[in-house]
N, C-alpha and C. Protein backbone atom coordinates (compact mmCIF):
# COMPACT_ATOMS: atom_id res chain seq x y z
N UNK A 1 25.86 11.86 15.86
CA UNK A 1 24.91 10.99 15.18
C UNK A 1 23.77 11.83 14.60
N UNK A 2 23.42 11.59 13.35
CA UNK A 2 22.36 12.36 12.70
C UNK A 2 21.00 11.89 13.19
N UNK A 3 20.09 12.85 13.32
CA UNK A 3 18.72 12.51 13.72
C UNK A 3 18.04 11.77 12.58
N UNK A 4 17.27 10.77 12.94
CA UNK A 4 16.54 10.00 11.94
C UNK A 4 15.36 10.84 11.44
N UNK A 5 15.13 10.80 10.14
CA UNK A 5 14.03 11.55 9.54
C UNK A 5 12.70 10.89 9.89
N UNK A 6 11.67 11.71 9.97
CA UNK A 6 10.31 11.19 10.06
C UNK A 6 9.91 10.79 8.65
N UNK A 7 9.22 9.66 8.52
CA UNK A 7 8.86 9.15 7.20
C UNK A 7 7.34 9.19 7.03
N UNK A 8 6.91 9.80 5.92
CA UNK A 8 5.50 9.86 5.57
C UNK A 8 5.24 8.83 4.48
N UNK A 9 4.35 7.89 4.77
CA UNK A 9 3.92 6.86 3.82
C UNK A 9 2.58 7.32 3.25
N UNK A 10 2.46 7.32 1.93
CA UNK A 10 1.24 7.84 1.30
C UNK A 10 0.81 6.95 0.15
N UNK A 11 -0.45 7.06 -0.23
CA UNK A 11 -1.00 6.33 -1.37
C UNK A 11 -0.46 6.98 -2.64
N UNK A 12 0.43 6.29 -3.31
CA UNK A 12 1.13 6.85 -4.47
C UNK A 12 0.27 7.08 -5.70
N UNK A 13 -0.92 6.52 -5.76
CA UNK A 13 -1.77 6.72 -6.94
C UNK A 13 -2.91 7.71 -6.67
N UNK A 14 -3.04 8.18 -5.45
CA UNK A 14 -4.10 9.10 -5.05
C UNK A 14 -3.70 10.54 -5.35
N UNK A 15 -4.51 11.24 -6.12
CA UNK A 15 -4.20 12.64 -6.45
C UNK A 15 -4.16 13.53 -5.21
N UNK A 16 -5.10 13.35 -4.29
CA UNK A 16 -5.10 14.14 -3.05
C UNK A 16 -3.84 13.87 -2.25
N UNK A 17 -3.46 12.61 -2.15
CA UNK A 17 -2.27 12.23 -1.39
C UNK A 17 -1.00 12.81 -2.00
N UNK A 18 -0.91 12.74 -3.32
CA UNK A 18 0.26 13.30 -4.01
C UNK A 18 0.33 14.81 -3.83
N UNK A 19 -0.81 15.48 -3.92
CA UNK A 19 -0.84 16.93 -3.71
C UNK A 19 -0.45 17.26 -2.27
N UNK A 20 -0.88 16.44 -1.33
CA UNK A 20 -0.53 16.65 0.08
C UNK A 20 0.97 16.49 0.31
N UNK A 21 1.57 15.51 -0.34
CA UNK A 21 3.02 15.30 -0.23
C UNK A 21 3.76 16.50 -0.81
N UNK A 22 3.34 16.96 -1.97
CA UNK A 22 3.99 18.11 -2.57
C UNK A 22 3.84 19.35 -1.69
N UNK A 23 2.68 19.50 -1.06
CA UNK A 23 2.45 20.59 -0.11
C UNK A 23 3.41 20.46 1.08
N UNK A 24 3.53 19.25 1.63
CA UNK A 24 4.43 19.04 2.77
C UNK A 24 5.88 19.34 2.39
N UNK A 25 6.30 18.93 1.21
CA UNK A 25 7.67 19.21 0.75
C UNK A 25 7.90 20.72 0.69
N UNK A 26 6.93 21.42 0.14
CA UNK A 26 7.04 22.88 0.00
C UNK A 26 7.13 23.58 1.35
N UNK A 27 6.48 23.04 2.37
CA UNK A 27 6.44 23.68 3.69
C UNK A 27 7.35 23.00 4.71
N UNK A 28 8.19 22.09 4.26
CA UNK A 28 9.15 21.39 5.13
C UNK A 28 10.50 22.09 5.01
N UNK A 29 10.57 23.31 5.49
CA UNK A 29 11.78 24.14 5.32
C UNK A 29 12.97 23.63 6.12
N UNK A 30 12.71 22.80 7.13
CA UNK A 30 13.81 22.27 7.95
C UNK A 30 14.19 20.86 7.56
N UNK A 31 13.67 20.39 6.42
CA UNK A 31 14.02 19.07 5.88
C UNK A 31 13.84 17.96 6.91
N UNK A 32 12.66 17.92 7.51
CA UNK A 32 12.34 16.97 8.57
C UNK A 32 11.88 15.62 8.01
N UNK A 33 11.18 15.66 6.86
CA UNK A 33 10.49 14.47 6.37
C UNK A 33 11.17 13.79 5.19
N UNK A 34 11.00 12.48 5.17
CA UNK A 34 11.24 11.65 3.99
C UNK A 34 9.88 11.11 3.59
N UNK A 35 9.74 10.69 2.34
CA UNK A 35 8.45 10.25 1.81
C UNK A 35 8.61 8.93 1.08
N UNK A 36 7.54 8.15 1.08
CA UNK A 36 7.54 6.90 0.32
C UNK A 36 6.11 6.47 0.07
N UNK A 37 5.88 5.88 -1.07
CA UNK A 37 4.55 5.38 -1.41
C UNK A 37 4.26 4.10 -0.64
N UNK A 38 3.01 3.95 -0.23
CA UNK A 38 2.58 2.71 0.43
C UNK A 38 2.78 1.51 -0.49
N UNK A 39 2.82 1.75 -1.80
CA UNK A 39 2.97 0.68 -2.78
C UNK A 39 4.44 0.32 -3.03
N UNK A 40 5.36 0.99 -2.35
CA UNK A 40 6.78 0.80 -2.63
C UNK A 40 7.48 -0.25 -1.78
N UNK A 41 8.72 -0.52 -2.15
CA UNK A 41 9.55 -1.51 -1.47
C UNK A 41 9.85 -1.13 -0.02
N UNK A 42 10.08 0.15 0.22
CA UNK A 42 10.40 0.60 1.58
C UNK A 42 9.23 0.33 2.52
N UNK A 43 8.02 0.66 2.07
CA UNK A 43 6.82 0.40 2.88
C UNK A 43 6.67 -1.10 3.15
N UNK A 44 6.92 -1.88 2.12
CA UNK A 44 6.81 -3.34 2.24
C UNK A 44 7.82 -3.89 3.26
N UNK A 45 8.97 -3.25 3.36
CA UNK A 45 10.01 -3.71 4.28
C UNK A 45 9.78 -3.21 5.71
N UNK A 46 9.29 -1.99 5.87
CA UNK A 46 9.21 -1.35 7.18
C UNK A 46 7.89 -1.59 7.91
N UNK A 47 6.77 -1.46 7.20
CA UNK A 47 5.47 -1.45 7.88
C UNK A 47 5.02 -2.76 8.51
N UNK A 48 5.43 -3.92 8.00
CA UNK A 48 5.01 -5.16 8.67
C UNK A 48 5.45 -5.25 10.14
N UNK A 49 6.56 -4.62 10.50
CA UNK A 49 6.99 -4.67 11.90
C UNK A 49 6.02 -3.92 12.81
N UNK A 50 5.17 -3.08 12.22
CA UNK A 50 4.13 -2.37 12.98
C UNK A 50 2.77 -3.06 12.84
N UNK A 51 2.78 -4.28 12.29
CA UNK A 51 1.55 -5.04 12.05
C UNK A 51 0.56 -4.31 11.15
N UNK A 52 1.09 -3.65 10.13
CA UNK A 52 0.24 -2.96 9.15
C UNK A 52 0.06 -3.85 7.94
N UNK A 53 -1.19 -4.10 7.59
CA UNK A 53 -1.52 -4.88 6.39
C UNK A 53 -1.63 -3.90 5.22
N UNK A 54 -0.67 -3.93 4.33
CA UNK A 54 -0.63 -2.99 3.21
C UNK A 54 -1.82 -3.13 2.27
N UNK A 55 -2.47 -4.28 2.28
CA UNK A 55 -3.65 -4.49 1.42
C UNK A 55 -4.87 -3.75 1.97
N UNK A 56 -4.88 -3.48 3.26
CA UNK A 56 -6.08 -2.93 3.89
C UNK A 56 -5.92 -1.51 4.40
N UNK A 57 -4.73 -0.94 4.29
CA UNK A 57 -4.50 0.40 4.85
C UNK A 57 -5.18 1.47 3.99
N UNK A 58 -5.86 2.38 4.64
CA UNK A 58 -6.58 3.45 3.97
C UNK A 58 -6.24 4.77 4.67
N UNK A 59 -4.93 5.00 4.85
CA UNK A 59 -4.50 6.13 5.65
C UNK A 59 -3.10 6.58 5.27
N UNK A 60 -2.85 7.84 5.51
CA UNK A 60 -1.47 8.30 5.50
C UNK A 60 -0.85 7.74 6.78
N UNK A 61 0.43 7.44 6.74
CA UNK A 61 1.13 6.91 7.91
C UNK A 61 2.37 7.76 8.14
N UNK A 62 2.60 8.06 9.39
CA UNK A 62 3.82 8.75 9.79
C UNK A 62 4.58 7.85 10.76
N UNK A 63 5.84 7.59 10.44
CA UNK A 63 6.71 6.87 11.38
C UNK A 63 7.73 7.89 11.87
N UNK A 64 7.72 8.06 13.19
CA UNK A 64 8.54 9.09 13.83
C UNK A 64 9.10 8.51 15.12
N UNK A 65 10.41 8.54 15.25
CA UNK A 65 11.06 7.99 16.45
C UNK A 65 10.60 6.56 16.72
N UNK A 66 10.53 5.77 15.66
CA UNK A 66 10.13 4.36 15.73
C UNK A 66 8.71 4.14 16.27
N UNK A 67 7.86 5.17 16.14
CA UNK A 67 6.44 5.06 16.49
C UNK A 67 5.62 5.34 15.25
N UNK A 68 4.51 4.64 15.15
CA UNK A 68 3.65 4.77 13.96
C UNK A 68 2.38 5.52 14.31
N UNK A 69 2.02 6.48 13.45
CA UNK A 69 0.79 7.26 13.60
C UNK A 69 0.00 7.15 12.29
N UNK A 70 -1.32 7.06 12.42
CA UNK A 70 -2.17 6.95 11.23
C UNK A 70 -3.25 8.03 11.26
N UNK A 71 -3.92 8.13 10.13
CA UNK A 71 -5.11 8.98 9.97
C UNK A 71 -4.88 10.40 10.48
N UNK A 72 -5.83 10.91 11.27
CA UNK A 72 -5.76 12.31 11.71
C UNK A 72 -4.54 12.57 12.60
N UNK A 73 -4.13 11.59 13.38
CA UNK A 73 -2.96 11.78 14.24
C UNK A 73 -1.71 12.01 13.40
N UNK A 74 -1.56 11.25 12.32
CA UNK A 74 -0.42 11.44 11.41
C UNK A 74 -0.50 12.81 10.74
N UNK A 75 -1.66 13.15 10.22
CA UNK A 75 -1.83 14.43 9.51
C UNK A 75 -1.53 15.62 10.42
N UNK A 76 -2.04 15.58 11.64
CA UNK A 76 -1.82 16.70 12.56
C UNK A 76 -0.37 16.77 13.05
N UNK A 77 0.27 15.62 13.23
CA UNK A 77 1.69 15.62 13.62
C UNK A 77 2.56 16.17 12.49
N UNK A 78 2.18 15.88 11.25
CA UNK A 78 2.91 16.43 10.10
C UNK A 78 2.71 17.94 10.07
N UNK A 79 1.47 18.39 10.19
CA UNK A 79 1.18 19.84 10.17
C UNK A 79 1.97 20.58 11.24
N UNK A 80 2.14 19.95 12.39
CA UNK A 80 2.85 20.57 13.51
C UNK A 80 4.28 20.95 13.14
N UNK A 81 4.88 20.25 12.18
CA UNK A 81 6.29 20.47 11.84
C UNK A 81 6.49 21.29 10.57
N UNK A 82 5.40 21.73 9.95
CA UNK A 82 5.50 22.52 8.74
C UNK A 82 5.69 23.99 9.07
N UNK A 83 6.21 24.75 8.12
CA UNK A 83 6.37 26.19 8.30
C UNK A 83 5.05 26.91 8.10
N UNK A 84 4.98 28.12 8.59
CA UNK A 84 3.78 28.93 8.43
C UNK A 84 2.85 28.72 9.61
N UNK A 85 1.56 28.90 9.35
CA UNK A 85 0.58 28.76 10.43
C UNK A 85 0.07 27.33 10.57
N UNK A 86 0.53 26.39 9.76
CA UNK A 86 0.07 25.00 9.79
C UNK A 86 0.23 24.33 11.15
N UNK A 87 1.28 24.62 11.92
CA UNK A 87 1.39 23.98 13.24
C UNK A 87 0.20 24.28 14.17
N UNK A 88 -0.52 25.36 13.93
CA UNK A 88 -1.69 25.67 14.76
C UNK A 88 -2.78 24.60 14.63
N UNK A 89 -2.79 23.87 13.51
CA UNK A 89 -3.78 22.80 13.33
C UNK A 89 -3.61 21.70 14.38
N UNK A 90 -2.42 21.62 14.96
CA UNK A 90 -2.17 20.60 15.97
C UNK A 90 -3.11 20.74 17.17
N UNK A 91 -3.69 21.91 17.33
CA UNK A 91 -4.66 22.13 18.42
C UNK A 91 -5.85 21.17 18.29
N UNK A 92 -6.13 20.68 17.09
CA UNK A 92 -7.23 19.74 16.90
C UNK A 92 -6.97 18.40 17.59
N UNK A 93 -5.76 18.18 18.08
CA UNK A 93 -5.46 16.94 18.81
C UNK A 93 -6.29 16.85 20.10
N UNK A 94 -6.82 17.96 20.57
CA UNK A 94 -7.66 17.90 21.78
C UNK A 94 -9.00 17.21 21.51
N UNK A 95 -9.39 17.15 20.24
CA UNK A 95 -10.62 16.45 19.86
C UNK A 95 -10.33 14.95 19.96
N UNK A 96 -11.23 14.19 20.56
CA UNK A 96 -10.98 12.74 20.66
C UNK A 96 -10.68 12.10 19.30
N UNK A 97 -9.74 11.17 19.31
CA UNK A 97 -9.28 10.52 18.08
C UNK A 97 -10.42 9.90 17.28
N UNK A 98 -11.39 9.27 17.95
CA UNK A 98 -12.47 8.63 17.19
C UNK A 98 -13.29 9.65 16.41
N UNK A 99 -13.40 10.87 16.90
CA UNK A 99 -14.12 11.92 16.17
C UNK A 99 -13.27 12.42 15.01
N UNK A 100 -11.98 12.72 15.30
CA UNK A 100 -11.08 13.19 14.23
C UNK A 100 -11.00 12.16 13.11
N UNK A 101 -10.86 10.88 13.49
CA UNK A 101 -10.71 9.83 12.49
C UNK A 101 -12.00 9.57 11.72
N UNK A 102 -13.15 9.86 12.31
CA UNK A 102 -14.42 9.73 11.59
C UNK A 102 -14.42 10.67 10.39
N UNK A 103 -14.00 11.92 10.59
CA UNK A 103 -13.90 12.88 9.48
C UNK A 103 -12.83 12.44 8.49
N UNK A 104 -11.69 12.00 9.00
CA UNK A 104 -10.61 11.53 8.15
C UNK A 104 -11.10 10.39 7.25
N UNK A 105 -11.82 9.44 7.84
CA UNK A 105 -12.30 8.28 7.09
C UNK A 105 -13.26 8.66 5.97
N UNK A 106 -14.08 9.67 6.18
CA UNK A 106 -14.99 10.13 5.11
C UNK A 106 -14.18 10.61 3.91
N UNK A 107 -13.15 11.40 4.18
CA UNK A 107 -12.30 11.91 3.09
C UNK A 107 -11.54 10.75 2.45
N UNK A 108 -10.95 9.87 3.25
CA UNK A 108 -10.17 8.74 2.72
C UNK A 108 -11.04 7.84 1.85
N UNK A 109 -12.25 7.58 2.30
CA UNK A 109 -13.14 6.69 1.56
C UNK A 109 -13.53 7.27 0.19
N UNK A 110 -13.59 8.58 0.09
CA UNK A 110 -14.04 9.24 -1.13
C UNK A 110 -12.92 9.90 -1.93
N UNK A 111 -11.67 9.69 -1.53
CA UNK A 111 -10.57 10.42 -2.15
C UNK A 111 -10.44 10.18 -3.65
N UNK A 112 -10.64 8.96 -4.11
CA UNK A 112 -10.53 8.70 -5.54
C UNK A 112 -11.70 9.33 -6.30
N UNK A 113 -12.88 9.26 -5.71
CA UNK A 113 -14.08 9.81 -6.36
C UNK A 113 -13.98 11.35 -6.46
N UNK A 114 -13.51 11.99 -5.40
CA UNK A 114 -13.47 13.45 -5.36
C UNK A 114 -12.24 14.04 -6.03
N UNK A 115 -11.07 13.40 -5.92
CA UNK A 115 -9.84 13.97 -6.45
C UNK A 115 -9.22 13.15 -7.58
N UNK A 116 -9.68 11.95 -7.79
CA UNK A 116 -9.15 11.13 -8.87
C UNK A 116 -7.98 10.26 -8.44
N UNK A 117 -7.54 9.48 -9.41
CA UNK A 117 -6.51 8.47 -9.17
C UNK A 117 -5.60 8.43 -10.39
N UNK A 118 -4.33 8.16 -10.16
CA UNK A 118 -3.37 8.02 -11.25
C UNK A 118 -3.18 6.54 -11.55
N UNK A 119 -2.71 6.27 -12.74
CA UNK A 119 -2.44 4.87 -13.12
C UNK A 119 -1.21 4.31 -12.44
N UNK A 120 -0.28 5.19 -12.09
CA UNK A 120 0.94 4.74 -11.42
C UNK A 120 1.34 5.79 -10.39
N UNK A 121 2.30 5.44 -9.55
CA UNK A 121 2.76 6.34 -8.51
C UNK A 121 3.43 7.57 -9.10
N UNK A 122 3.28 8.69 -8.42
CA UNK A 122 3.93 9.94 -8.80
C UNK A 122 5.44 9.76 -8.68
N UNK A 123 6.17 10.25 -9.64
CA UNK A 123 7.63 10.15 -9.64
C UNK A 123 8.20 11.54 -9.36
N UNK A 124 8.97 11.67 -8.28
CA UNK A 124 9.53 12.98 -7.95
C UNK A 124 10.57 13.43 -8.96
N UNK A 125 10.74 14.73 -9.05
CA UNK A 125 11.77 15.28 -9.93
C UNK A 125 13.14 14.87 -9.41
N UNK A 126 14.17 14.94 -10.27
CA UNK A 126 15.51 14.58 -9.80
C UNK A 126 15.95 15.40 -8.58
N UNK A 127 15.53 16.67 -8.49
CA UNK A 127 15.90 17.52 -7.36
C UNK A 127 15.28 17.02 -6.05
N UNK A 128 14.09 16.41 -6.14
CA UNK A 128 13.39 15.93 -4.95
C UNK A 128 13.67 14.48 -4.63
N UNK A 129 14.33 13.78 -5.51
CA UNK A 129 14.54 12.33 -5.37
C UNK A 129 15.14 11.96 -4.01
N UNK A 130 16.05 12.79 -3.48
CA UNK A 130 16.71 12.47 -2.21
C UNK A 130 15.75 12.49 -1.02
N UNK A 131 14.56 13.06 -1.18
CA UNK A 131 13.57 13.09 -0.10
C UNK A 131 12.71 11.83 -0.07
N UNK A 132 12.94 10.90 -0.99
CA UNK A 132 12.09 9.73 -1.12
C UNK A 132 12.85 8.43 -0.94
N UNK A 133 12.13 7.45 -0.38
CA UNK A 133 12.60 6.06 -0.35
C UNK A 133 11.83 5.33 -1.42
N UNK A 134 12.45 4.32 -2.03
CA UNK A 134 11.77 3.52 -3.06
C UNK A 134 10.74 2.60 -2.47
């Protein structure tokens, strides 16, 4: 039986989020992750079972082994599985979640102002299409 991929849900119109996804793809040498926009059909089908309101979510989401992680916990769990020195960032998990998420929320709240926004979701190249859910 094949292992289920971890799925990263991201804001498809956020420039920072799209750059982060492209960074994760580049450093996901073991093909661990699948990706999907929070605005997509897959998110609409999967996230309600975790009681996530798609209208109010302001976070990257990681679903791994049927568990949902948000904000800094999702970001650090993703970093842990990337190649290079990125897994060392997981050490920040020792910082209490409310402190980590306070910093995360500042960035999330200002992401459009600081990095901009696209009119529509980023469309992966044909070579990357298999890493994405609609």
